[in-house]
């Protein structure tokens, strides 16, 4: 009776083939994951801009009008527990008091970013240089004392989709390790 088994050479060949396939497939898989993160960040950013514009179209109010006395405020959109239109954990606003309000304007909670960063909306709308920015901070969602870096390639992809492809110019710029997107400029 003959016994069938693999020889050492056959096992080495099979292991080598598996290693070659893994070396080919793994980098492509990681690129696909990063590309998906960039796509999600772009979708999140566009959703926030559309929601801000829809809120203004319906009510004539910019996000933050009722509680940004100084004309500059940061509104976190990452925390769903605050209010039905946009969210901030320490302020409860009843946007439905605004005439024409037809929210909520974000279908679902936006955030944290795909790299676990905070999203903030910065409102300058009552100042002379009136604009509204969406900022993707480099701080982590759960712990603002910890930095969650965004890969440089991701910055460039987001900028080439939403702006001019140059992180130093245009409406989307890189400031430190954060993305600042000028959504609205009046």
Protein backbone atom coordinates (compact mmCIF):
# COMPACT_ATOMS: atom_id res chain seq x y z
CA UNK A 1 0.00 0.00 0.00
CA UNK A 2 1.38 3.37 -1.00
CA UNK A 3 0.96 6.34 1.21
CA UNK A 4 0.09 9.67 -0.46
CA UNK A 5 1.59 12.78 1.12
CA UNK A 6 3.09 16.08 0.07
CA UNK A 7 6.79 16.41 -0.27
CA UNK A 8 8.65 19.31 1.28
CA UNK A 9 9.28 20.81 -2.16
CA UNK A 10 5.55 20.75 -2.99
CA UNK A 11 4.70 22.49 0.30
CA UNK A 12 7.34 25.17 -0.31
CA UNK A 13 5.97 25.80 -3.82
CA UNK A 14 2.40 26.15 -2.51
CA UNK A 15 3.52 28.52 0.26
CA UNK A 16 5.51 30.59 -2.27
CA UNK A 17 2.47 30.86 -4.55
CA UNK A 18 0.28 31.98 -1.64
CA UNK A 19 2.90 34.56 -0.57
CA UNK A 20 3.13 35.96 -4.12
CA UNK A 21 -0.65 36.25 -4.38
CA UNK A 22 -0.84 37.96 -0.97
CA UNK A 23 1.89 40.42 -1.99
CA UNK A 24 -0.10 41.32 -5.10
CA UNK A 25 -3.55 41.52 -3.50
CA UNK A 26 -2.80 43.15 -0.11
CA UNK A 27 -1.60 46.58 -1.39
CA UNK A 28 -4.60 46.83 -3.71
CA UNK A 29 -6.93 46.00 -0.83
CA UNK A 30 -5.40 48.75 1.32
CA UNK A 31 -5.68 51.24 -1.55
CA UNK A 32 -9.34 50.34 -1.95
CA UNK A 33 -9.96 50.90 1.76
CA UNK A 34 -8.31 54.34 1.66
CA UNK A 35 -10.20 55.25 -1.51
CA UNK A 36 -13.47 54.32 0.22
CA UNK A 37 -12.56 56.54 3.19
CA UNK A 38 -11.89 59.47 0.86
CA UNK A 39 -15.22 58.89 -0.91
CA UNK A 40 -17.06 58.82 2.41
CA UNK A 41 -15.37 62.02 3.61
CA UNK A 42 -16.32 63.78 0.37
CA UNK A 43 -19.92 62.55 0.70
CA UNK A 44 -20.05 63.73 4.33
CA UNK A 45 -18.72 67.15 3.40
CA UNK A 46 -21.17 67.56 0.53
CA UNK A 47 -24.05 66.45 2.80
CA UNK A 48 -23.17 69.12 5.35
CA UNK A 49 -22.93 71.83 2.68
CA UNK A 50 -26.27 70.82 1.16
CA UNK A 51 -27.88 70.76 4.60
CA UNK A 52 -26.55 74.24 5.45
CA UNK A 53 -27.83 75.62 2.14
CA UNK A 54 -31.21 73.91 2.52
CA UNK A 55 -31.58 75.31 6.05
CA UNK A 56 -30.88 78.81 4.72
CA UNK A 57 -33.19 78.37 1.72
CA UNK A 58 -36.06 77.28 3.97
CA UNK A 59 -35.60 79.65 6.89
CA UNK A 60 -33.34 82.51 5.85
CA UNK A 61 -31.11 81.60 8.80
CA UNK A 62 -27.57 80.34 8.75
CA UNK A 63 -26.55 77.59 11.11
CA UNK A 64 -25.61 79.30 14.36
CA UNK A 65 -27.59 82.52 13.82
CA UNK A 66 -29.39 82.32 17.17
CA UNK A 67 -26.43 81.62 19.42
CA UNK A 68 -23.32 83.03 17.74
CA UNK A 69 -23.50 86.51 19.19
CA UNK A 70 -19.92 87.31 18.21
CA UNK A 71 -20.49 86.16 14.66
CA UNK A 72 -18.03 83.28 14.89
CA UNK A 73 -18.89 79.93 16.30
CA UNK A 74 -17.98 76.31 15.91
CA UNK A 75 -20.81 73.81 15.62
CA UNK A 76 -19.99 70.16 16.05
CA UNK A 77 -21.98 67.96 13.72
CA UNK A 78 -20.65 64.73 15.18
CA UNK A 79 -22.88 64.40 18.22
CA UNK A 80 -26.52 63.45 17.55
CA UNK A 81 -27.86 64.05 21.04
CA UNK A 82 -28.31 67.81 20.85
CA UNK A 83 -30.92 68.86 18.33
CA UNK A 84 -32.76 67.62 15.25
CA UNK A 85 -31.12 69.76 12.56
CA UNK A 86 -27.44 70.02 13.44
CA UNK A 87 -25.78 68.84 16.57
CA UNK A 88 -23.78 70.30 19.38
CA UNK A 89 -23.59 68.65 22.76
CA UNK A 90 -23.68 71.78 24.94
CA UNK A 91 -26.39 73.78 23.13
CA UNK A 92 -30.00 72.80 22.63
CA UNK A 93 -31.59 74.84 19.86
CA UNK A 94 -35.17 74.50 18.72
CA UNK A 95 -34.75 75.16 15.02
CA UNK A 96 -38.40 74.39 14.41
CA UNK A 97 -39.18 77.89 15.76
CA UNK A 98 -37.61 79.33 12.61
CA UNK A 99 -40.30 80.17 10.08
CA UNK A 100 -40.07 77.73 7.16
CA UNK A 101 -38.05 75.13 9.05
CA UNK A 102 -38.46 71.74 7.37
CA UNK A 103 -35.70 69.66 8.97
CA UNK A 104 -33.90 67.70 9.98
CA UNK A 105 -31.53 68.64 7.19
CA UNK A 106 -29.00 65.88 7.70
CA UNK A 107 -30.60 62.50 7.03
CA UNK A 108 -28.24 60.76 9.41
CA UNK A 109 -25.52 61.67 11.82
CA UNK A 110 -22.39 62.78 9.96
CA UNK A 111 -19.21 61.88 11.75
CA UNK A 112 -16.76 61.06 12.89
CA UNK A 113 -14.69 61.26 9.74
CA UNK A 114 -13.40 58.03 8.20
CA UNK A 115 -10.10 58.68 10.01
CA UNK A 116 -11.95 59.21 13.33
CA UNK A 117 -11.63 63.03 13.25
CA UNK A 118 -14.07 65.70 14.38
CA UNK A 119 -16.17 67.66 11.87
CA UNK A 120 -16.93 71.27 12.80
CA UNK A 121 -18.85 74.01 11.01
CA UNK A 122 -17.39 77.48 11.56
CA UNK A 123 -19.89 80.31 11.10
CA UNK A 124 -18.70 83.80 10.13
CA UNK A 125 -22.00 84.70 8.45
CA UNK A 126 -22.78 87.81 10.49
CA UNK A 127 -19.36 89.39 9.86
CA UNK A 128 -18.32 91.52 6.90
CA UNK A 129 -16.24 88.67 5.42
CA UNK A 130 -19.21 86.35 5.76
CA UNK A 131 -18.39 82.75 5.08
CA UNK A 132 -19.03 79.33 6.47
CA UNK A 133 -16.36 76.65 6.64
CA UNK A 134 -16.42 72.95 7.28
CA UNK A 135 -13.37 71.89 9.22
CA UNK A 136 -12.13 68.35 9.59
CA UNK A 137 -9.99 68.66 12.71
CA UNK A 138 -6.97 66.48 13.25
CA UNK A 139 -8.20 65.63 16.74
CA UNK A 140 -9.75 62.25 17.42
CA UNK A 141 -13.50 61.97 17.80
CA UNK A 142 -13.54 60.41 21.26
CA UNK A 143 -10.45 62.09 22.72
CA UNK A 144 -9.75 65.63 21.54
CA UNK A 145 -6.30 65.52 23.12
CA UNK A 146 -5.15 62.80 20.73
CA UNK A 147 -4.23 63.47 17.11
CA UNK A 148 -5.78 61.26 14.42
CA UNK A 149 -3.77 61.99 11.28
CA UNK A 150 -5.30 62.09 7.82
CA UNK A 151 -2.98 60.61 5.19
CA UNK A 152 -1.48 63.18 2.79
CA UNK A 153 -2.78 61.27 -0.22
CA UNK A 154 -6.31 61.53 1.23
CA UNK A 155 -5.95 65.32 1.57
CA UNK A 156 -4.96 65.55 -2.08
CA UNK A 157 -7.83 63.35 -3.28
CA UNK A 158 -10.43 65.31 -1.31
CA UNK A 159 -9.01 68.59 -2.63
CA UNK A 160 -8.91 67.42 -6.24
CA UNK A 161 -12.58 66.38 -6.00
CA UNK A 162 -13.98 69.40 -4.14
CA UNK A 163 -11.60 72.15 -5.26
CA UNK A 164 -8.57 72.98 -7.38
CA UNK A 165 -6.24 70.10 -6.46
CA UNK A 166 -3.79 72.41 -4.64
CA UNK A 167 -3.89 72.21 -0.85
CA UNK A 168 -2.38 75.69 -0.51
CA UNK A 169 -4.96 77.54 -2.63
CA UNK A 170 -8.66 77.59 -3.38
CA UNK A 171 -11.66 76.91 -1.17
CA UNK A 172 -10.22 73.78 0.41
CA UNK A 173 -6.89 74.18 2.15
CA UNK A 174 -4.76 72.24 4.58
CA UNK A 175 -4.00 74.16 7.76
CA UNK A 176 -1.65 72.19 9.96
CA UNK A 177 -3.14 68.71 9.92
CA UNK A 178 -6.72 69.89 9.43
CA UNK A 179 -8.83 70.38 6.31
CA UNK A 180 -10.69 73.70 6.00
CA UNK A 181 -13.31 73.91 3.27
CA UNK A 182 -14.93 77.25 2.50
CA UNK A 183 -18.46 76.00 1.76
CA UNK A 184 -20.21 79.35 1.43
CA UNK A 185 -18.83 82.82 0.76
CA UNK A 186 -21.01 85.90 0.52
